[in-house]
Each structure stands twice: as structure tokens, then as C-alpha cells.
């Protein structure tokens, strides 16, 4: 069951929350929750950004060790770098 957010009546004084353009300057103005609006021009810009992000190669994630050392081994390694904190 989906919960619908109540919408308030729209008027000609509504503006895009992102670019601040009013109804006369944009083709469509889409109302989101809590009185947030986005125009078709900003939606097109968002789609272009997402399209570019998909084309960009992702950074390689940090490889986790195959085996997590037990705490005593971790302590030995850290003792080489951390001095005087017993």
C-alpha cells in the first residue's frame, strides 16, 4: 500500500525549486513532496548529468584482505607505528 502525500493547489506563482524559473518560462513544472517543484529543463539537465556519470569509469574499490588477522596480530602491527600508548 503506497502512502500518498497531500498536494496543495498549484498556481501561476510556483517556481522550480532548483533554478527558480516560473511557470511561464518552463514547459512543465512537476510538484514533489512538501511543495518542492522541478521543471522539465532541470529534469533534462539531471538526466544529462546521470548519463555522463554512467560513462565515467568508476574508481576501484579498496580490496579487503582475504583473512582478517586476529586482534593480537593487529596489535603487533600497530605497535610498530604507535609508541607509548599502553
C-alpha atoms as a PDB file:
ATOM      1  CA  UNK A   1       0.000   0.000   0.000  1.00  0.00           C
ATOM      2  CA  UNK A   2       1.539   3.313  -1.017  1.00  0.00           C
ATOM      3  CA  UNK A   3       1.176   6.446   1.048  1.00  0.00           C
ATOM      4  CA  UNK A   4       0.209   9.473  -0.974  1.00  0.00           C
ATOM      5  CA  UNK A   5       1.497  12.847   0.083  1.00  0.00           C
ATOM      6  CA  UNK A   6      -1.218  15.501   0.004  1.00  0.00           C
ATOM      7  CA  UNK A   7      -0.659  18.097  -2.699  1.00  0.00           C
ATOM      8  CA  UNK A   8      -1.512  21.724  -2.381  1.00  0.00           C
ATOM      9  CA  UNK A   9      -3.269  23.539  -5.218  1.00  0.00           C
ATOM     10  CA  UNK A  10      -0.916  24.883  -7.878  1.00  0.00           C
ATOM     11  CA  UNK A  11      -0.880  28.446  -9.035  1.00  0.00           C
ATOM     12  CA  UNK A  12       0.905  30.545 -11.632  1.00  0.00           C
ATOM     13  CA  UNK A  13       3.309  31.828  -8.981  1.00  0.00           C
ATOM     14  CA  UNK A  14       5.017  28.443  -8.492  1.00  0.00           C
ATOM     15  CA  UNK A  15       8.731  28.262  -9.360  1.00  0.00           C
ATOM     16  CA  UNK A  16      11.241  25.485  -9.866  1.00  0.00           C
ATOM     17  CA  UNK A  17      12.998  24.837  -6.573  1.00  0.00           C
ATOM     18  CA  UNK A  18      16.294  24.262  -8.411  1.00  0.00           C
ATOM     19  CA  UNK A  19      16.528  27.052 -10.999  1.00  0.00           C
ATOM     20  CA  UNK A  20      13.849  29.459  -9.704  1.00  0.00           C
ATOM     21  CA  UNK A  21      12.188  29.757 -13.141  1.00  0.00           C
ATOM     22  CA  UNK A  22       8.455  30.299 -13.040  1.00  0.00           C
ATOM     23  CA  UNK A  23       5.644  28.568 -14.905  1.00  0.00           C
ATOM     24  CA  UNK A  24       5.706  30.985 -17.887  1.00  0.00           C
ATOM     25  CA  UNK A  25       9.403  30.220 -18.550  1.00  0.00           C
ATOM     26  CA  UNK A  26       9.286  26.416 -18.429  1.00  0.00           C
ATOM     27  CA  UNK A  27       7.318  23.792 -20.311  1.00  0.00           C
ATOM     28  CA  UNK A  28       6.237  21.740 -17.311  1.00  0.00           C
ATOM     29  CA  UNK A  29       6.564  22.107 -13.573  1.00  0.00           C
ATOM     30  CA  UNK A  30       6.423  18.862 -11.589  1.00  0.00           C
ATOM     31  CA  UNK A  31       5.308  19.053  -7.978  1.00  0.00           C
ATOM     32  CA  UNK A  32       7.071  16.817  -5.488  1.00  0.00           C
ATOM     33  CA  UNK A  33       6.512  16.309  -1.782  1.00  0.00           C
ATOM     34  CA  UNK A  34       6.241  19.262   0.603  1.00  0.00           C
ATOM     35  CA  UNK A  35       5.772  21.868  -2.117  1.00  0.00           C
ATOM     36  CA  UNK A  36       9.011  21.143  -3.951  1.00  0.00           C
ATOM     37  CA  UNK A  37       8.887  21.752  -7.706  1.00  0.00           C
ATOM     38  CA  UNK A  38      11.218  20.801 -10.567  1.00  0.00           C
ATOM     39  CA  UNK A  39      10.911  21.996 -14.150  1.00  0.00           C
ATOM     40  CA  UNK A  40      11.397  19.941 -17.285  1.00  0.00           C
ATOM     41  CA  UNK A  41      14.623  21.823 -18.058  1.00  0.00           C
ATOM     42  CA  UNK A  42      16.171  20.808 -14.715  1.00  0.00           C
ATOM     43  CA  UNK A  43      14.989  17.226 -15.219  1.00  0.00           C
ATOM     44  CA  UNK A  44      16.742  17.202 -18.614  1.00  0.00           C
ATOM     45  CA  UNK A  45      19.907  18.594 -17.016  1.00  0.00           C
ATOM     46  CA  UNK A  46      19.768  15.916 -14.299  1.00  0.00           C
ATOM     47  CA  UNK A  47      19.376  13.213 -16.948  1.00  0.00           C
ATOM     48  CA  UNK A  48      22.427  14.569 -18.801  1.00  0.00           C
ATOM     49  CA  UNK A  49      24.472  14.505 -15.583  1.00  0.00           C
ATOM     50  CA  UNK A  50      23.392  10.950 -14.796  1.00  0.00           C
ATOM     51  CA  UNK A  51      24.216   9.875 -18.340  1.00  0.00           C
ATOM     52  CA  UNK A  52      27.733  11.326 -18.014  1.00  0.00           C
ATOM     53  CA  UNK A  53      28.191   9.652 -14.626  1.00  0.00           C
ATOM     54  CA  UNK A  54      27.344   6.262 -16.133  1.00  0.00           C
ATOM     55  CA  UNK A  55      30.014   6.747 -18.821  1.00  0.00           C
ATOM     56  CA  UNK A  56      32.738   7.733 -16.330  1.00  0.00           C
ATOM     57  CA  UNK A  57      34.883   4.826 -15.164  1.00  0.00           C
ATOM     58  CA  UNK A  58      34.390   4.041 -11.515  1.00  0.00           C
ATOM     59  CA  UNK A  59      37.246   4.129  -9.072  1.00  0.00           C
ATOM     60  CA  UNK A  60      38.462   0.743  -7.997  1.00  0.00           C
ATOM     61  CA  UNK A  61      37.216  -0.132  -4.561  1.00  0.00           C
ATOM     62  CA  UNK A  62      39.655  -0.902  -1.796  1.00  0.00           C
ATOM     63  CA  UNK A  63      40.388  -4.599  -1.705  1.00  0.00           C
ATOM     64  CA  UNK A  64      39.719  -6.145   1.661  1.00  0.00           C
ATOM     65  CA  UNK A  65      42.170  -8.695   2.980  1.00  0.00           C
ATOM     66  CA  UNK A  66      41.151 -12.285   2.386  1.00  0.00           C
ATOM     67  CA  UNK A  67      41.745 -13.041   6.027  1.00  0.00           C
ATOM     68  CA  UNK A  68      41.151 -10.643   8.875  1.00  0.00           C
ATOM     69  CA  UNK A  69      44.015 -11.026  11.318  1.00  0.00           C
ATOM     70  CA  UNK A  70      43.209 -11.754  14.944  1.00  0.00           C
ATOM     71  CA  UNK A  71      43.464  -8.825  17.388  1.00  0.00           C
ATOM     72  CA  UNK A  72      46.876  -9.907  18.698  1.00  0.00           C
ATOM     73  CA  UNK A  73      48.375  -9.650  15.182  1.00  0.00           C
ATOM     74  CA  UNK A  74      46.722  -6.288  14.614  1.00  0.00           C
ATOM     75  CA  UNK A  75      48.201  -5.071  17.900  1.00  0.00           C
ATOM     76  CA  UNK A  76      51.702  -6.184  16.871  1.00  0.00           C
ATOM     77  CA  UNK A  77      51.414  -4.251  13.612  1.00  0.00           C
ATOM     78  CA  UNK A  78      50.063  -1.149  15.332  1.00  0.00           C
ATOM     79  CA  UNK A  79      52.781  -1.293  17.991  1.00  0.00           C
ATOM     80  CA  UNK A  80      55.308  -0.623  15.208  1.00  0.00           C
ATOM     81  CA  UNK A  81      53.592   2.708  14.479  1.00  0.00           C
ATOM     82  CA  UNK A  82      52.060   3.796  17.784  1.00  0.00           C
ATOM     83  CA  UNK A  83      54.575   4.433  20.543  1.00  0.00           C
ATOM     84  CA  UNK A  84      53.901   4.942  24.255  1.00  0.00           C
ATOM     85  CA  UNK A  85      50.137   4.432  24.368  1.00  0.00           C
ATOM     86  CA  UNK A  86      49.794   1.337  26.563  1.00  0.00           C
END
